Amino acid sequence: MSRKYIDQILTTGFKYFFDLDYTTLLHSLTIFIVAAGIIKLAALWLRNEWHEGVATVKEDALVIKSRLADVADKADEKEQLFYDFVKNQFTNLRNVRERLAS
């Protein structure tokens, strides 16, 4: 029973598919080609945006990493300078106490 209906649907579908006139077929083909071109352009645009976005993030991450390394080096230098300053102050204070005691 279902085979009969499937056969009827296929026969009707093929009849209408192959019974198109030339202008309808040309119009449908033109719409299909234009739609495929628009979809391809949209896909290329999205691919380009994705690539540029990821590349920019990678480059920005490298710049930020190098800047943070520079900031860490400068902080270490400042810390060392402060440590040396405090050490010199304690040394000077000890020397002043020794001179006053003698």
N, C-alpha and C. Protein backbone atom coordinates (compact mmCIF):
# COMPACT_ATOMS: atom_id res chain seq x y z
N MET A 1 0.82 -1.19 0.00
CA MET A 1 0.00 0.00 0.00
C MET A 1 0.87 1.27 0.00
N SER A 2 1.86 1.30 0.91
CA SER A 2 2.72 2.49 0.97
C SER A 2 3.59 2.60 -0.28
N ARG A 3 3.91 1.44 -0.88
CA ARG A 3 4.71 1.46 -2.10
C ARG A 3 3.96 2.18 -3.22
N LYS A 4 2.67 2.00 -3.26
CA LYS A 4 1.85 2.65 -4.27
C LYS A 4 1.89 4.17 -4.09
N TYR A 5 1.78 4.61 -2.83
CA TYR A 5 1.80 6.05 -2.56
C TYR A 5 3.18 6.66 -2.84
N ILE A 6 4.22 5.95 -2.46
CA ILE A 6 5.58 6.44 -2.74
C ILE A 6 5.79 6.55 -4.24
N ASP A 7 5.33 5.53 -4.99
CA ASP A 7 5.47 5.54 -6.44
C ASP A 7 4.70 6.72 -7.03
N GLN A 8 3.51 6.99 -6.51
CA GLN A 8 2.69 8.10 -7.01
C GLN A 8 3.36 9.44 -6.70
N ILE A 9 3.89 9.58 -5.48
CA ILE A 9 4.56 10.83 -5.10
C ILE A 9 5.79 11.07 -5.97
N LEU A 10 6.58 10.03 -6.17
CA LEU A 10 7.77 10.17 -7.00
C LEU A 10 7.42 10.50 -8.44
N THR A 11 6.41 9.84 -8.97
CA THR A 11 6.01 10.10 -10.35
C THR A 11 5.51 11.53 -10.51
N THR A 12 4.70 11.99 -9.58
CA THR A 12 4.19 13.36 -9.64
C THR A 12 5.32 14.36 -9.47
N GLY A 13 6.22 14.10 -8.53
CA GLY A 13 7.35 15.00 -8.30
C GLY A 13 8.24 15.11 -9.51
N PHE A 14 8.56 13.98 -10.13
CA PHE A 14 9.40 14.02 -11.33
C PHE A 14 8.69 14.70 -12.50
N LYS A 15 7.36 14.50 -12.58
CA LYS A 15 6.62 15.13 -13.66
C LYS A 15 6.71 16.66 -13.55
N TYR A 16 6.50 17.17 -12.33
CA TYR A 16 6.58 18.62 -12.16
C TYR A 16 8.03 19.13 -12.22
N PHE A 17 8.97 18.30 -11.80
CA PHE A 17 10.38 18.71 -11.84
C PHE A 17 10.87 18.85 -13.27
N PHE A 18 10.54 17.89 -14.12
CA PHE A 18 11.04 17.91 -15.49
C PHE A 18 10.12 18.64 -16.46
N ASP A 19 8.95 19.07 -16.00
CA ASP A 19 7.99 19.74 -16.87
C ASP A 19 8.05 21.26 -16.71
N LEU A 20 9.20 21.80 -16.38
CA LEU A 20 9.35 23.24 -16.23
C LEU A 20 9.67 23.86 -17.57
N ASP A 21 9.16 25.05 -17.79
CA ASP A 21 9.49 25.73 -19.03
C ASP A 21 10.89 26.37 -18.90
N TYR A 22 11.40 26.86 -20.00
CA TYR A 22 12.77 27.34 -20.06
C TYR A 22 12.98 28.57 -19.18
N THR A 23 12.06 29.52 -19.17
CA THR A 23 12.26 30.75 -18.39
C THR A 23 12.24 30.46 -16.89
N THR A 24 11.35 29.57 -16.45
CA THR A 24 11.30 29.22 -15.03
C THR A 24 12.59 28.51 -14.63
N LEU A 25 13.05 27.60 -15.46
CA LEU A 25 14.29 26.89 -15.17
C LEU A 25 15.47 27.86 -15.12
N LEU A 26 15.54 28.78 -16.08
CA LEU A 26 16.62 29.76 -16.11
C LEU A 26 16.56 30.69 -14.91
N HIS A 27 15.35 31.11 -14.53
CA HIS A 27 15.17 31.98 -13.37
C HIS A 27 15.60 31.25 -12.09
N SER A 28 15.20 30.01 -11.94
CA SER A 28 15.57 29.23 -10.75
C SER A 28 17.08 29.02 -10.69
N LEU A 29 17.68 28.71 -11.84
CA LEU A 29 19.12 28.51 -11.88
C LEU A 29 19.87 29.79 -11.55
N THR A 30 19.38 30.93 -12.06
CA THR A 30 20.00 32.22 -11.76
C THR A 30 19.92 32.53 -10.27
N ILE A 31 18.75 32.32 -9.68
CA ILE A 31 18.59 32.56 -8.24
C ILE A 31 19.52 31.65 -7.44
N PHE A 32 19.63 30.39 -7.87
CA PHE A 32 20.51 29.45 -7.17
C PHE A 32 21.97 29.90 -7.25
N ILE A 33 22.41 30.33 -8.43
CA ILE A 33 23.81 30.76 -8.59
C ILE A 33 24.08 32.03 -7.79
N VAL A 34 23.16 32.99 -7.82
CA VAL A 34 23.35 34.23 -7.06
C VAL A 34 23.35 33.94 -5.56
N ALA A 35 22.44 33.09 -5.11
CA ALA A 35 22.38 32.74 -3.69
C ALA A 35 23.67 32.03 -3.26
N ALA A 36 24.18 31.14 -4.11
CA ALA A 36 25.44 30.45 -3.78
C ALA A 36 26.59 31.45 -3.70
N GLY A 37 26.61 32.43 -4.60
CA GLY A 37 27.66 33.45 -4.56
C GLY A 37 27.58 34.30 -3.31
N ILE A 38 26.37 34.68 -2.93
CA ILE A 38 26.19 35.49 -1.71
C ILE A 38 26.60 34.69 -0.48
N ILE A 39 26.22 33.42 -0.44
CA ILE A 39 26.61 32.57 0.70
C ILE A 39 28.12 32.41 0.76
N LYS A 40 28.75 32.25 -0.42
CA LYS A 40 30.20 32.11 -0.44
C LYS A 40 30.88 33.40 0.04
N LEU A 41 30.39 34.55 -0.41
CA LEU A 41 30.96 35.82 0.05
C LEU A 41 30.79 36.00 1.56
N ALA A 42 29.62 35.63 2.07
CA ALA A 42 29.39 35.73 3.52
C ALA A 42 30.33 34.80 4.28
N ALA A 43 30.53 33.59 3.76
CA ALA A 43 31.44 32.65 4.42
C ALA A 43 32.88 33.17 4.40
N LEU A 44 33.30 33.74 3.27
CA LEU A 44 34.66 34.29 3.19
C LEU A 44 34.82 35.48 4.13
N TRP A 45 33.79 36.32 4.23
CA TRP A 45 33.85 37.46 5.15
C TRP A 45 33.95 36.99 6.59
N LEU A 46 33.13 36.00 6.96
CA LEU A 46 33.19 35.46 8.32
C LEU A 46 34.55 34.82 8.61
N ARG A 47 35.09 34.10 7.63
CA ARG A 47 36.40 33.47 7.81
C ARG A 47 37.47 34.53 8.01
N ASN A 48 37.41 35.61 7.23
CA ASN A 48 38.38 36.69 7.35
C ASN A 48 38.26 37.37 8.71
N GLU A 49 37.04 37.65 9.14
CA GLU A 49 36.83 38.27 10.45
C GLU A 49 37.36 37.38 11.57
N TRP A 50 37.10 36.09 11.47
CA TRP A 50 37.57 35.16 12.49
C TRP A 50 39.09 35.12 12.53
N HIS A 51 39.70 35.04 11.35
CA HIS A 51 41.16 34.97 11.28
C HIS A 51 41.79 36.24 11.82
N GLU A 52 41.29 37.38 11.40
CA GLU A 52 41.85 38.65 11.87
C GLU A 52 41.64 38.80 13.37
N GLY A 53 40.48 38.39 13.87
CA GLY A 53 40.22 38.50 15.30
C GLY A 53 41.14 37.64 16.11
N VAL A 54 41.34 36.39 15.70
CA VAL A 54 42.22 35.49 16.44
C VAL A 54 43.66 35.95 16.33
N ALA A 55 44.08 36.38 15.14
CA ALA A 55 45.46 36.85 14.97
C ALA A 55 45.71 38.09 15.82
N THR A 56 44.73 38.98 15.88
CA THR A 56 44.88 40.19 16.68
C THR A 56 44.98 39.85 18.16
N VAL A 57 44.17 38.90 18.61
CA VAL A 57 44.22 38.50 20.02
C VAL A 57 45.58 37.88 20.34
N LYS A 58 46.10 37.07 19.44
CA LYS A 58 47.42 36.45 19.68
C LYS A 58 48.51 37.52 19.75
N GLU A 59 48.48 38.46 18.82
CA GLU A 59 49.48 39.53 18.83
C GLU A 59 49.35 40.39 20.07
N ASP A 60 48.11 40.72 20.44
CA ASP A 60 47.89 41.53 21.64
C ASP A 60 48.37 40.79 22.89
N ALA A 61 48.14 39.49 22.93
CA ALA A 61 48.59 38.71 24.08
C ALA A 61 50.12 38.74 24.20
N LEU A 62 50.80 38.66 23.06
CA LEU A 62 52.26 38.72 23.09
C LEU A 62 52.74 40.09 23.56
N VAL A 63 52.10 41.16 23.08
CA VAL A 63 52.48 42.51 23.49
C VAL A 63 52.23 42.70 24.98
N ILE A 64 51.07 42.25 25.46
CA ILE A 64 50.76 42.39 26.88
C ILE A 64 51.74 41.58 27.72
N LYS A 65 52.08 40.38 27.27
CA LYS A 65 53.03 39.55 28.01
C LYS A 65 54.39 40.22 28.10
N SER A 66 54.86 40.80 26.99
CA SER A 66 56.17 41.45 27.02
C SER A 66 56.13 42.71 27.89
N ARG A 67 55.04 43.45 27.85
CA ARG A 67 54.92 44.65 28.70
C ARG A 67 54.89 44.27 30.17
N LEU A 68 54.17 43.20 30.50
CA LEU A 68 54.13 42.75 31.89
C LEU A 68 55.51 42.28 32.36
N ALA A 69 56.26 41.65 31.47
CA ALA A 69 57.62 41.24 31.82
C ALA A 69 58.49 42.47 32.08
N ASP A 70 58.33 43.52 31.25
CA ASP A 70 59.08 44.76 31.47
C ASP A 70 58.69 45.41 32.79
N VAL A 71 57.39 45.43 33.09
CA VAL A 71 56.93 46.01 34.35
C VAL A 71 57.48 45.22 35.54
N ALA A 72 57.51 43.90 35.43
CA ALA A 72 58.05 43.06 36.50
C ALA A 72 59.54 43.32 36.69
N ASP A 73 60.28 43.48 35.59
CA ASP A 73 61.71 43.78 35.70
C ASP A 73 61.94 45.14 36.36
N LYS A 74 61.14 46.13 35.96
CA LYS A 74 61.29 47.46 36.57
C LYS A 74 60.92 47.42 38.05
N ALA A 75 59.90 46.65 38.41
CA ALA A 75 59.52 46.53 39.81
C ALA A 75 60.63 45.86 40.62
N ASP A 76 61.27 44.85 40.02
CA ASP A 76 62.40 44.21 40.70
C ASP A 76 63.55 45.18 40.90
N GLU A 77 63.82 45.99 39.89
CA GLU A 77 64.89 46.99 40.02
C GLU A 77 64.57 48.01 41.12
N LYS A 78 63.32 48.49 41.14
CA LYS A 78 62.91 49.45 42.18
C LYS A 78 62.97 48.82 43.56
N GLU A 79 62.58 47.55 43.64
CA GLU A 79 62.64 46.87 44.93
C GLU A 79 64.09 46.74 45.39
N GLN A 80 64.96 46.41 44.46
CA GLN A 80 66.38 46.29 44.82
C GLN A 80 66.94 47.65 45.25
N LEU A 81 66.59 48.71 44.54
CA LEU A 81 67.04 50.05 44.92
C LEU A 81 66.52 50.43 46.31
N PHE A 82 65.26 50.13 46.59
CA PHE A 82 64.69 50.43 47.91
C PHE A 82 65.39 49.62 48.99
N TYR A 83 65.64 48.34 48.69
CA TYR A 83 66.35 47.48 49.66
C TYR A 83 67.75 48.04 49.94
N ASP A 84 68.45 48.43 48.89
CA ASP A 84 69.79 49.02 49.07
C ASP A 84 69.72 50.33 49.86
N PHE A 85 68.71 51.15 49.59
CA PHE A 85 68.55 52.41 50.32
C PHE A 85 68.32 52.15 51.81
N VAL A 86 67.41 51.23 52.12
CA VAL A 86 67.14 50.91 53.53
C VAL A 86 68.38 50.32 54.19
N LYS A 87 69.10 49.47 53.49
CA LYS A 87 70.32 48.87 54.03
C LYS A 87 71.36 49.96 54.32
N ASN A 88 71.51 50.91 53.41
CA ASN A 88 72.46 52.02 53.62
C ASN A 88 72.03 52.89 54.80
N GLN A 89 70.73 53.11 54.94
CA GLN A 89 70.25 53.91 56.07
C GLN A 89 70.56 53.22 57.39
N PHE A 90 70.34 51.91 57.47
CA PHE A 90 70.66 51.19 58.71
C PHE A 90 72.17 51.18 58.97
N THR A 91 72.95 51.06 57.91
CA THR A 91 74.41 51.10 58.07
C THR A 91 74.84 52.47 58.57
N ASN A 92 74.29 53.53 57.99
CA ASN A 92 74.62 54.89 58.44
C ASN A 92 74.18 55.10 59.89
N LEU A 93 73.02 54.60 60.23
CA LEU A 93 72.53 54.73 61.61
C LEU A 93 73.43 53.99 62.58
N ARG A 94 73.90 52.81 62.22
CA ARG A 94 74.81 52.04 63.06
C ARG A 94 76.14 52.79 63.23
N ASN A 95 76.60 53.36 62.10
CA ASN A 95 77.86 54.11 62.18
C ASN A 95 77.72 55.34 63.07
N VAL A 96 76.58 56.02 62.98
CA VAL A 96 76.36 57.20 63.83
C VAL A 96 76.32 56.77 65.30
N ARG A 97 75.68 55.69 65.63
CA ARG A 97 75.62 55.20 67.01
C ARG A 97 77.01 54.84 67.52
N GLU A 98 77.80 54.19 66.66
CA GLU A 98 79.16 53.81 67.08
C GLU A 98 80.02 55.05 67.32
N ARG A 99 79.86 56.08 66.46
CA ARG A 99 80.64 57.30 66.65
C ARG A 99 80.21 58.05 67.90
N LEU A 100 78.90 58.03 68.16
CA LEU A 100 78.43 58.71 69.37
C LEU A 100 78.83 57.94 70.63
N ALA A 101 78.90 56.62 70.54
CA ALA A 101 79.26 55.80 71.70
C ALA A 101 80.75 55.93 72.01
N SER A 102 81.55 56.21 71.05
CA SER A 102 83.00 56.26 71.30
C SER A 102 83.43 57.61 71.71
